[in-house]
């Protein structure tokens, strides 16, 4: 076997043996949350975002779709729903401490993880100069036996992960962004919300009320349903999985990326 091949095998073995300690609080302070729809962040990581904002992180939310398909009401037009959901998101952001919002306004329900979307997300990452990315789980098709994951969730998550590496940090990817003054930036931390393989549970016991109140701002989606009891139940179940247990938590898969 050539010496180069032996060195590569040894390097891969050392990499596999490395233990990454998941962090409840990220090392970086500029956090970009990437979601498919208005209200996705509140459901998946609203308490965590509120906690990190309170602890000094600057939070930017990037919502990929315009949310215009989120109603079966024949009296609600897509244009009206789009405007309504923009306003609902701004109201929720104030509660959670999110200081900036990027709406890509792509058609709700029609997202595919193509190069065009990846380029847009690389652009947002470089514009915000993010240290940390929070996104949904690109591998998640089902939750239990009662919910099929929305295809937009998977598509946006795939594009987000592919934008993080290698697109955001390599100047040879999307060189046209260099003409916009957007230099590459390396992302070293990724938190995948609602992951099928969580390894960190963030204590949101002091922020569960903000999470619920932010969800309540999405009146077009909540209708007469009060999200408080169910969302609190889910967070309490996650709280029991944390070591040591806490009243409420949100779960993530934590990625520490080198290179």
C-alpha atoms as a PDB file:
ATOM      1  CA  UNK A   1       0.000   0.000   0.000  1.00  0.00           C
ATOM      2  CA  UNK A   2       1.418   3.439  -0.916  1.00  0.00           C
ATOM      3  CA  UNK A   3       2.573   5.625   1.973  1.00  0.00           C
ATOM      4  CA  UNK A   4       0.045   8.332   0.977  1.00  0.00           C
ATOM      5  CA  UNK A   5      -2.837   5.877   1.326  1.00  0.00           C
ATOM      6  CA  UNK A   6      -1.587   4.717   4.736  1.00  0.00           C
ATOM      7  CA  UNK A   7      -1.389   8.303   5.954  1.00  0.00           C
ATOM      8  CA  UNK A   8      -4.939   8.997   4.740  1.00  0.00           C
ATOM      9  CA  UNK A   9      -6.289   5.924   6.559  1.00  0.00           C
ATOM     10  CA  UNK A  10      -4.456   6.903   9.762  1.00  0.00           C
ATOM     11  CA  UNK A  11      -5.851  10.425   9.497  1.00  0.00           C
ATOM     12  CA  UNK A  12      -9.417   9.171   9.076  1.00  0.00           C
ATOM     13  CA  UNK A  13      -9.025   6.860  12.071  1.00  0.00           C
ATOM     14  CA  UNK A  14      -7.757   9.696  14.258  1.00  0.00           C
ATOM     15  CA  UNK A  15     -10.662  11.877  13.114  1.00  0.00           C
ATOM     16  CA  UNK A  16     -13.195   9.168  13.990  1.00  0.00           C
ATOM     17  CA  UNK A  17     -11.663   8.774  17.469  1.00  0.00           C
ATOM     18  CA  UNK A  18     -11.914  12.498  18.233  1.00  0.00           C
ATOM     19  CA  UNK A  19     -14.571  13.250  20.828  1.00  0.00           C
ATOM     20  CA  UNK A  20     -16.593  16.395  20.236  1.00  0.00           C
ATOM     21  CA  UNK A  21     -18.128  17.816  23.393  1.00  0.00           C
ATOM     22  CA  UNK A  22     -21.554  19.275  22.518  1.00  0.00           C
ATOM     23  CA  UNK A  23     -22.011  22.848  23.718  1.00  0.00           C
ATOM     24  CA  UNK A  24     -25.212  24.217  25.201  1.00  0.00           C
ATOM     25  CA  UNK A  25     -23.933  27.729  24.502  1.00  0.00           C
ATOM     26  CA  UNK A  26     -22.040  28.234  21.231  1.00  0.00           C
ATOM     27  CA  UNK A  27     -18.510  29.567  21.120  1.00  0.00           C
ATOM     28  CA  UNK A  28     -19.492  31.985  18.358  1.00  0.00           C
ATOM     29  CA  UNK A  29     -21.681  35.023  18.995  1.00  0.00           C
ATOM     30  CA  UNK A  30     -23.200  35.660  15.547  1.00  0.00           C
ATOM     31  CA  UNK A  31     -25.943  33.098  15.058  1.00  0.00           C
ATOM     32  CA  UNK A  32     -27.775  32.604  11.757  1.00  0.00           C
ATOM     33  CA  UNK A  33     -30.964  30.548  11.992  1.00  0.00           C
ATOM     34  CA  UNK A  34     -32.103  29.160   8.617  1.00  0.00           C
ATOM     35  CA  UNK A  35     -35.653  27.818   8.314  1.00  0.00           C
ATOM     36  CA  UNK A  36     -38.170  27.036   5.616  1.00  0.00           C
ATOM     37  CA  UNK A  37     -41.236  28.850   6.971  1.00  0.00           C
ATOM     38  CA  UNK A  38     -42.312  31.559   9.373  1.00  0.00           C
ATOM     39  CA  UNK A  39     -42.891  29.821  12.759  1.00  0.00           C
ATOM     40  CA  UNK A  40     -40.382  26.990  12.100  1.00  0.00           C
ATOM     41  CA  UNK A  41     -37.768  28.644  14.313  1.00  0.00           C
ATOM     42  CA  UNK A  42     -40.246  29.144  17.134  1.00  0.00           C
ATOM     43  CA  UNK A  43     -41.251  25.495  17.115  1.00  0.00           C
ATOM     44  CA  UNK A  44     -37.736  24.085  16.773  1.00  0.00           C
ATOM     45  CA  UNK A  45     -35.459  26.447  18.649  1.00  0.00           C
ATOM     46  CA  UNK A  46     -37.423  29.419  19.971  1.00  0.00           C
ATOM     47  CA  UNK A  47     -36.381  28.946  23.582  1.00  0.00           C
ATOM     48  CA  UNK A  48     -32.742  28.441  22.639  1.00  0.00           C
ATOM     49  CA  UNK A  49     -32.712  31.559  20.478  1.00  0.00           C
ATOM     50  CA  UNK A  50     -34.223  33.590  23.325  1.00  0.00           C
ATOM     51  CA  UNK A  51     -31.625  32.239  25.762  1.00  0.00           C
ATOM     52  CA  UNK A  52     -28.683  32.870  23.452  1.00  0.00           C
ATOM     53  CA  UNK A  53     -29.920  36.392  22.696  1.00  0.00           C
ATOM     54  CA  UNK A  54     -30.188  37.085  26.430  1.00  0.00           C
ATOM     55  CA  UNK A  55     -26.616  35.833  26.863  1.00  0.00           C
ATOM     56  CA  UNK A  56     -25.217  38.224  24.274  1.00  0.00           C
ATOM     57  CA  UNK A  57     -25.523  36.478  20.913  1.00  0.00           C
ATOM     58  CA  UNK A  58     -26.652  38.445  17.864  1.00  0.00           C
ATOM     59  CA  UNK A  59     -29.374  36.454  16.107  1.00  0.00           C
ATOM     60  CA  UNK A  60     -30.341  36.708  12.440  1.00  0.00           C
ATOM     61  CA  UNK A  61     -33.254  34.667  11.080  1.00  0.00           C
ATOM     62  CA  UNK A  62     -33.354  33.671   7.414  1.00  0.00           C
ATOM     63  CA  UNK A  63     -36.781  32.418   6.282  1.00  0.00           C
ATOM     64  CA  UNK A  64     -36.569  30.839   2.836  1.00  0.00           C
ATOM     65  CA  UNK A  65     -40.225  30.679   1.773  1.00  0.00           C
ATOM     66  CA  UNK A  66     -42.885  33.386   1.698  1.00  0.00           C
ATOM     67  CA  UNK A  67     -45.314  31.265   3.751  1.00  0.00           C
ATOM     68  CA  UNK A  68     -48.045  31.882   1.200  1.00  0.00           C
ATOM     69  CA  UNK A  69     -49.343  28.282   1.099  1.00  0.00           C
ATOM     70  CA  UNK A  70     -49.959  27.931   4.829  1.00  0.00           C
ATOM     71  CA  UNK A  71     -53.763  28.119   4.717  1.00  0.00           C
ATOM     72  CA  UNK A  72     -56.714  26.208   3.259  1.00  0.00           C
ATOM     73  CA  UNK A  73     -59.077  29.134   3.868  1.00  0.00           C
ATOM     74  CA  UNK A  74     -60.694  30.013   0.489  1.00  0.00           C
ATOM     75  CA  UNK A  75     -60.976  33.630   1.632  1.00  0.00           C
ATOM     76  CA  UNK A  76     -57.225  33.924   2.261  1.00  0.00           C
ATOM     77  CA  UNK A  77     -55.212  34.805  -0.842  1.00  0.00           C
ATOM     78  CA  UNK A  78     -51.524  33.892  -1.130  1.00  0.00           C
ATOM     79  CA  UNK A  79     -50.573  37.577  -1.351  1.00  0.00           C
ATOM     80  CA  UNK A  80     -52.494  38.450   1.795  1.00  0.00           C
ATOM     81  CA  UNK A  81     -51.115  35.453   3.691  1.00  0.00           C
ATOM     82  CA  UNK A  82     -47.562  36.324   2.672  1.00  0.00           C
ATOM     83  CA  UNK A  83     -47.922  39.854   4.064  1.00  0.00           C
ATOM     84  CA  UNK A  84     -49.631  38.570   7.218  1.00  0.00           C
ATOM     85  CA  UNK A  85     -46.922  36.033   7.928  1.00  0.00           C
ATOM     86  CA  UNK A  86     -44.174  38.613   7.457  1.00  0.00           C
ATOM     87  CA  UNK A  87     -45.792  40.755  10.142  1.00  0.00           C
ATOM     88  CA  UNK A  88     -46.309  37.769  12.434  1.00  0.00           C
ATOM     89  CA  UNK A  89     -42.636  36.867  12.127  1.00  0.00           C
ATOM     90  CA  UNK A  90     -41.521  40.373  13.008  1.00  0.00           C
ATOM     91  CA  UNK A  91     -43.707  40.300  16.115  1.00  0.00           C
ATOM     92  CA  UNK A  92     -42.273  36.932  17.154  1.00  0.00           C
ATOM     93  CA  UNK A  93     -38.718  38.148  16.560  1.00  0.00           C
ATOM     94  CA  UNK A  94     -39.199  40.991  19.057  1.00  0.00           C
ATOM     95  CA  UNK A  95     -40.205  38.502  21.741  1.00  0.00           C
ATOM     96  CA  UNK A  96     -37.259  36.186  21.108  1.00  0.00           C
ATOM     97  CA  UNK A  97     -34.592  38.879  20.723  1.00  0.00           C
ATOM     98  CA  UNK A  98     -33.935  38.243  17.017  1.00  0.00           C
ATOM     99  CA  UNK A  99     -32.406  41.459  15.711  1.00  0.00           C
ATOM    100  CA  UNK A 100     -32.475  40.901  11.941  1.00  0.00           C
ATOM    101  CA  UNK A 101     -34.678  39.074   9.453  1.00  0.00           C
ATOM    102  CA  UNK A 102     -33.906  37.957   5.903  1.00  0.00           C
ATOM    103  CA  UNK A 103     -36.860  36.824   3.788  1.00  0.00           C
ATOM    104  CA  UNK A 104     -35.876  35.039   0.590  1.00  0.00           C
ATOM    105  CA  UNK A 105     -39.595  34.893  -0.320  1.00  0.00           C
ATOM    106  CA  UNK A 106     -39.407  31.763  -2.444  1.00  0.00           C
ATOM    107  CA  UNK A 107     -42.730  30.031  -3.194  1.00  0.00           C
ATOM    108  CA  UNK A 108     -44.003  28.122  -0.176  1.00  0.00           C
ATOM    109  CA  UNK A 109     -44.148  24.366  -0.809  1.00  0.00           C
ATOM    110  CA  UNK A 110     -42.004  24.470  -3.943  1.00  0.00           C
ATOM    111  CA  UNK A 111     -38.471  24.412  -2.523  1.00  0.00           C
ATOM    112  CA  UNK A 112     -35.762  22.177  -3.968  1.00  0.00           C
ATOM    113  CA  UNK A 113     -32.146  22.077  -2.732  1.00  0.00           C
ATOM    114  CA  UNK A 114     -30.591  23.280  -5.983  1.00  0.00           C
ATOM    115  CA  UNK A 115     -27.518  25.395  -6.667  1.00  0.00           C
ATOM    116  CA  UNK A 116     -29.573  28.578  -6.852  1.00  0.00           C
ATOM    117  CA  UNK A 117     -30.820  28.145  -3.282  1.00  0.00           C
ATOM    118  CA  UNK A 118     -27.373  27.117  -2.064  1.00  0.00           C
ATOM    119  CA  UNK A 119     -25.918  30.284  -3.597  1.00  0.00           C
ATOM    120  CA  UNK A 120     -28.555  32.431  -1.879  1.00  0.00           C
ATOM    121  CA  UNK A 121     -27.781  30.884   1.499  1.00  0.00           C
ATOM    122  CA  UNK A 122     -24.027  31.268   0.975  1.00  0.00           C
ATOM    123  CA  UNK A 123     -24.735  34.928   0.222  1.00  0.00           C
ATOM    124  CA  UNK A 124     -26.723  35.347   3.466  1.00  0.00           C
ATOM    125  CA  UNK A 125     -24.054  33.555   5.523  1.00  0.00           C
ATOM    126  CA  UNK A 126     -21.316  35.797   4.132  1.00  0.00           C
ATOM    127  CA  UNK A 127     -23.402  38.973   4.464  1.00  0.00           C
ATOM    128  CA  UNK A 128     -24.152  38.324   8.120  1.00  0.00           C
ATOM    129  CA  UNK A 129     -20.619  37.000   8.780  1.00  0.00           C
ATOM    130  CA  UNK A 130     -22.111  34.166  10.795  1.00  0.00           C
ATOM    131  CA  UNK A 131     -20.154  32.175  13.371  1.00  0.00           C
ATOM    132  CA  UNK A 132     -22.907  29.644  14.090  1.00  0.00           C
ATOM    133  CA  UNK A 133     -25.640  28.110  11.937  1.00  0.00           C
ATOM    134  CA  UNK A 134     -28.896  26.635  13.222  1.00  0.00           C
ATOM    135  CA  UNK A 135     -30.922  24.643  10.716  1.00  0.00           C
ATOM    136  CA  UNK A 136     -33.408  21.815  10.476  1.00  0.00           C
ATOM    137  CA  UNK A 137     -32.507  18.145   9.979  1.00  0.00           C
ATOM    138  CA  UNK A 138     -31.866  17.242   6.320  1.00  0.00           C
ATOM    139  CA  UNK A 139     -32.196  13.513   7.079  1.00  0.00           C
ATOM    140  CA  UNK A 140     -35.599  13.644   8.761  1.00  0.00           C
ATOM    141  CA  UNK A 141     -38.479  12.178   6.763  1.00  0.00           C
ATOM    142  CA  UNK A 142     -40.779  11.092   9.588  1.00  0.00           C
ATOM    143  CA  UNK A 143     -41.504  12.078  13.188  1.00  0.00           C
ATOM    144  CA  UNK A 144     -42.965   9.072  14.949  1.00  0.00           C
ATOM    145  CA  UNK A 145     -45.751   7.406  13.010  1.00  0.00           C
ATOM    146  CA  UNK A 146     -48.079  10.393  12.707  1.00  0.00           C
ATOM    147  CA  UNK A 147     -46.144  13.091  10.877  1.00  0.00           C
ATOM    148  CA  UNK A 148     -44.403  13.207   7.496  1.00  0.00           C
ATOM    149  CA  UNK A 149     -41.815  15.962   7.528  1.00  0.00           C
ATOM    150  CA  UNK A 150     -42.601  18.851   5.204  1.00  0.00           C
ATOM    151  CA  UNK A 151     -40.510  18.631   2.010  1.00  0.00           C
ATOM    152  CA  UNK A 152     -39.555  22.304   2.374  1.00  0.00           C
ATOM    153  CA  UNK A 153     -37.997  21.504   5.763  1.00  0.00           C
ATOM    154  CA  UNK A 154     -35.753  18.850   4.244  1.00  0.00           C
ATOM    155  CA  UNK A 155     -34.918  20.875   1.147  1.00  0.00           C
ATOM    156  CA  UNK A 156     -33.921  23.993   3.079  1.00  0.00           C
ATOM    157  CA  UNK A 157     -31.923  21.923   5.561  1.00  0.00           C
ATOM    158  CA  UNK A 158     -30.013  20.200   2.755  1.00  0.00           C
ATOM    159  CA  UNK A 159     -29.234  23.516   1.083  1.00  0.00           C
ATOM    160  CA  UNK A 160     -28.185  25.055   4.410  1.00  0.00           C
ATOM    161  CA  UNK A 161     -25.758  22.268   5.260  1.00  0.00           C
ATOM    162  CA  UNK A 162     -24.297  22.341   1.743  1.00  0.00           C
ATOM    163  CA  UNK A 163     -23.951  26.119   1.964  1.00  0.00           C
ATOM    164  CA  UNK A 164     -22.037  25.805   5.240  1.00  0.00           C
ATOM    165  CA  UNK A 165     -19.500  23.421   3.721  1.00  0.00           C
ATOM    166  CA  UNK A 166     -17.805  23.987   1.470  1.00  0.00           C
ATOM    167  CA  UNK A 167     -19.636  26.902  -0.140  1.00  0.00           C
ATOM    168  CA  UNK A 168     -19.457  29.606   2.530  1.00  0.00           C
ATOM    169  CA  UNK A 169     -15.748  29.229   3.204  1.00  0.00           C
ATOM    170  CA  UNK A 170     -14.287  28.623  -0.255  1.00  0.00           C
ATOM    171  CA  UNK A 171     -13.720  31.547  -2.614  1.00  0.00           C
ATOM    172  CA  UNK A 172     -13.899  29.269  -5.655  1.00  0.00           C
ATOM    173  CA  UNK A 173     -17.557  28.499  -4.932  1.00  0.00           C
ATOM    174  CA  UNK A 174     -19.862  31.132  -6.412  1.00  0.00           C
ATOM    175  CA  UNK A 175     -17.038  33.538  -7.340  1.00  0.00           C
ATOM    176  CA  UNK A 176     -19.660  36.075  -8.430  1.00  0.00           C
ATOM    177  CA  UNK A 177     -20.242  36.742  -4.726  1.00  0.00           C
ATOM    178  CA  UNK A 178     -16.710  38.097  -4.515  1.00  0.00           C
ATOM    179  CA  UNK A 179     -17.782  40.825  -6.922  1.00  0.00           C
ATOM    180  CA  UNK A 180     -20.384  41.808  -4.301  1.00  0.00           C
ATOM    181  CA  UNK A 181     -17.633  42.150  -1.703  1.00  0.00           C
ATOM    182  CA  UNK A 182     -18.669  38.949   0.072  1.00  0.00           C
ATOM    183  CA  UNK A 183     -15.480  37.260   1.196  1.00  0.00           C
ATOM    184  CA  UNK A 184     -15.547  33.590   2.315  1.00  0.00           C
ATOM    185  CA  UNK A 185     -16.140  32.790   5.964  1.00  0.00           C
ATOM    186  CA  UNK A 186     -15.576  29.510   7.774  1.00  0.00           C
ATOM    187  CA  UNK A 187     -18.433  28.167   9.886  1.00  0.00           C
ATOM    188  CA  UNK A 188     -17.239  26.075  12.810  1.00  0.00           C
ATOM    189  CA  UNK A 189     -20.475  25.302  14.677  1.00  0.00           C
ATOM    190  CA  UNK A 190     -23.808  23.936  13.419  1.00  0.00           C
ATOM    191  CA  UNK A 191     -26.836  23.112  15.548  1.00  0.00           C
ATOM    192  CA  UNK A 192     -29.383  20.837  13.856  1.00  0.00           C
ATOM    193  CA  UNK A 193     -32.788  21.247  15.462  1.00  0.00           C
ATOM    194  CA  UNK A 194     -35.328  18.437  15.888  1.00  0.00           C
ATOM    195  CA  UNK A 195     -32.579  16.026  14.908  1.00  0.00           C
ATOM    196  CA  UNK A 196     -33.027  12.289  14.649  1.00  0.00           C
ATOM    197  CA  UNK A 197     -29.678  12.014  16.464  1.00  0.00           C
ATOM    198  CA  UNK A 198     -29.629  14.717  19.175  1.00  0.00           C
ATOM    199  CA  UNK A 199     -26.622  14.973  21.472  1.00  0.00           C
ATOM    200  CA  UNK A 200     -27.225  18.262  23.277  1.00  0.00           C
ATOM    201  CA  UNK A 201     -30.270  19.475  25.189  1.00  0.00           C
ATOM    202  CA  UNK A 202     -30.365  23.231  25.784  1.00  0.00           C
ATOM    203  CA  UNK A 203     -31.973  24.281  29.052  1.00  0.00           C
ATOM    204  CA  UNK A 204     -34.785  26.725  28.182  1.00  0.00           C
ATOM    205  CA  UNK A 205     -36.558  26.610  31.543  1.00  0.00           C
ATOM    206  CA  UNK A 206     -36.307  30.393  31.920  1.00  0.00           C
ATOM    207  CA  UNK A 207     -37.416  30.986  28.318  1.00  0.00           C
ATOM    208  CA  UNK A 208     -40.337  28.616  27.726  1.00  0.00           C
ATOM    209  CA  UNK A 209     -42.810  31.497  28.138  1.00  0.00           C
ATOM    210  CA  UNK A 210     -41.049  33.506  25.418  1.00  0.00           C
ATOM    211  CA  UNK A 211     -41.073  30.486  23.092  1.00  0.00           C
ATOM    212  CA  UNK A 212     -44.814  29.985  23.565  1.00  0.00           C
ATOM    213  CA  UNK A 213     -45.645  33.680  23.294  1.00  0.00           C
ATOM    214  CA  UNK A 214     -43.617  33.941  20.079  1.00  0.00           C
ATOM    215  CA  UNK A 215     -45.598  31.043  18.615  1.00  0.00           C
ATOM    216  CA  UNK A 216     -48.834  32.762  19.558  1.00  0.00           C
ATOM    217  CA  UNK A 217     -47.877  35.650  17.273  1.00  0.00           C
ATOM    218  CA  UNK A 218     -48.387  33.345  14.285  1.00  0.00           C
ATOM    219  CA  UNK A 219     -52.152  33.685  14.492  1.00  0.00           C
ATOM    220  CA  UNK A 220     -52.691  32.700  10.860  1.00  0.00           C
ATOM    221  CA  UNK A 221     -51.202  29.287  11.690  1.00  0.00           C
ATOM    222  CA  UNK A 222     -52.379  28.753  15.269  1.00  0.00           C
ATOM    223  CA  UNK A 223     -56.019  29.660  14.697  1.00  0.00           C
ATOM    224  CA  UNK A 224     -57.990  28.789  17.832  1.00  0.00           C
ATOM    225  CA  UNK A 225     -55.273  26.399  19.018  1.00  0.00           C
ATOM    226  CA  UNK A 226     -53.186  27.536  21.974  1.00  0.00           C
ATOM    227  CA  UNK A 227     -49.690  26.074  21.438  1.00  0.00           C
ATOM    228  CA  UNK A 228     -48.764  26.497  25.105  1.00  0.00           C
ATOM    229  CA  UNK A 229     -49.802  23.142  26.599  1.00  0.00           C
ATOM    230  CA  UNK A 230     -48.508  20.936  23.770  1.00  0.00           C
ATOM    231  CA  UNK A 231     -45.255  22.837  23.210  1.00  0.00           C
ATOM    232  CA  UNK A 232     -44.574  22.873  26.949  1.00  0.00           C
ATOM    233  CA  UNK A 233     -45.187  19.119  27.070  1.00  0.00           C
ATOM    234  CA  UNK A 234     -42.690  18.510  24.273  1.00  0.00           C
ATOM    235  CA  UNK A 235     -40.085  20.724  25.954  1.00  0.00           C
ATOM    236  CA  UNK A 236     -40.671  18.986  29.297  1.00  0.00           C
ATOM    237  CA  UNK A 237     -40.025  15.605  27.644  1.00  0.00           C
ATOM    238  CA  UNK A 238     -36.745  16.942  26.248  1.00  0.00           C
ATOM    239  CA  UNK A 239     -35.901  18.386  29.655  1.00  0.00           C
ATOM    240  CA  UNK A 240     -35.975  14.891  31.136  1.00  0.00           C
ATOM    241  CA  UNK A 241     -33.404  13.709  28.581  1.00  0.00           C
ATOM    242  CA  UNK A 242     -30.859  16.319  29.610  1.00  0.00           C
ATOM    243  CA  UNK A 243     -28.109  15.535  32.135  1.00  0.00           C
ATOM    244  CA  UNK A 244     -28.943  16.718  34.707  1.00  0.00           C
ATOM    245  CA  UNK A 245     -32.666  16.947  33.920  1.00  0.00           C
ATOM    246  CA  UNK A 246     -34.336  20.365  33.747  1.00  0.00           C
ATOM    247  CA  UNK A 247     -37.908  21.574  33.512  1.00  0.00           C
ATOM    248  CA  UNK A 248     -37.755  22.418  29.790  1.00  0.00           C
ATOM    249  CA  UNK A 249     -35.211  21.878  27.012  1.00  0.00           C
ATOM    250  CA  UNK A 250     -34.769  21.825  23.240  1.00  0.00           C
ATOM    251  CA  UNK A 251     -32.663  19.185  21.509  1.00  0.00           C
ATOM    252  CA  UNK A 252     -30.034  19.518  18.780  1.00  0.00           C
ATOM    253  CA  UNK A 253     -27.313  17.616  17.021  1.00  0.00           C
ATOM    254  CA  UNK A 254     -24.112  19.621  17.493  1.00  0.00           C
ATOM    255  CA  UNK A 255     -21.484  19.764  14.769  1.00  0.00           C
ATOM    256  CA  UNK A 256     -17.990  21.131  15.373  1.00  0.00           C
ATOM    257  CA  UNK A 257     -16.471  21.648  11.935  1.00  0.00           C
ATOM    258  CA  UNK A 258     -12.779  21.993  11.223  1.00  0.00           C
ATOM    259  CA  UNK A 259     -11.417  23.224   7.951  1.00  0.00           C
END
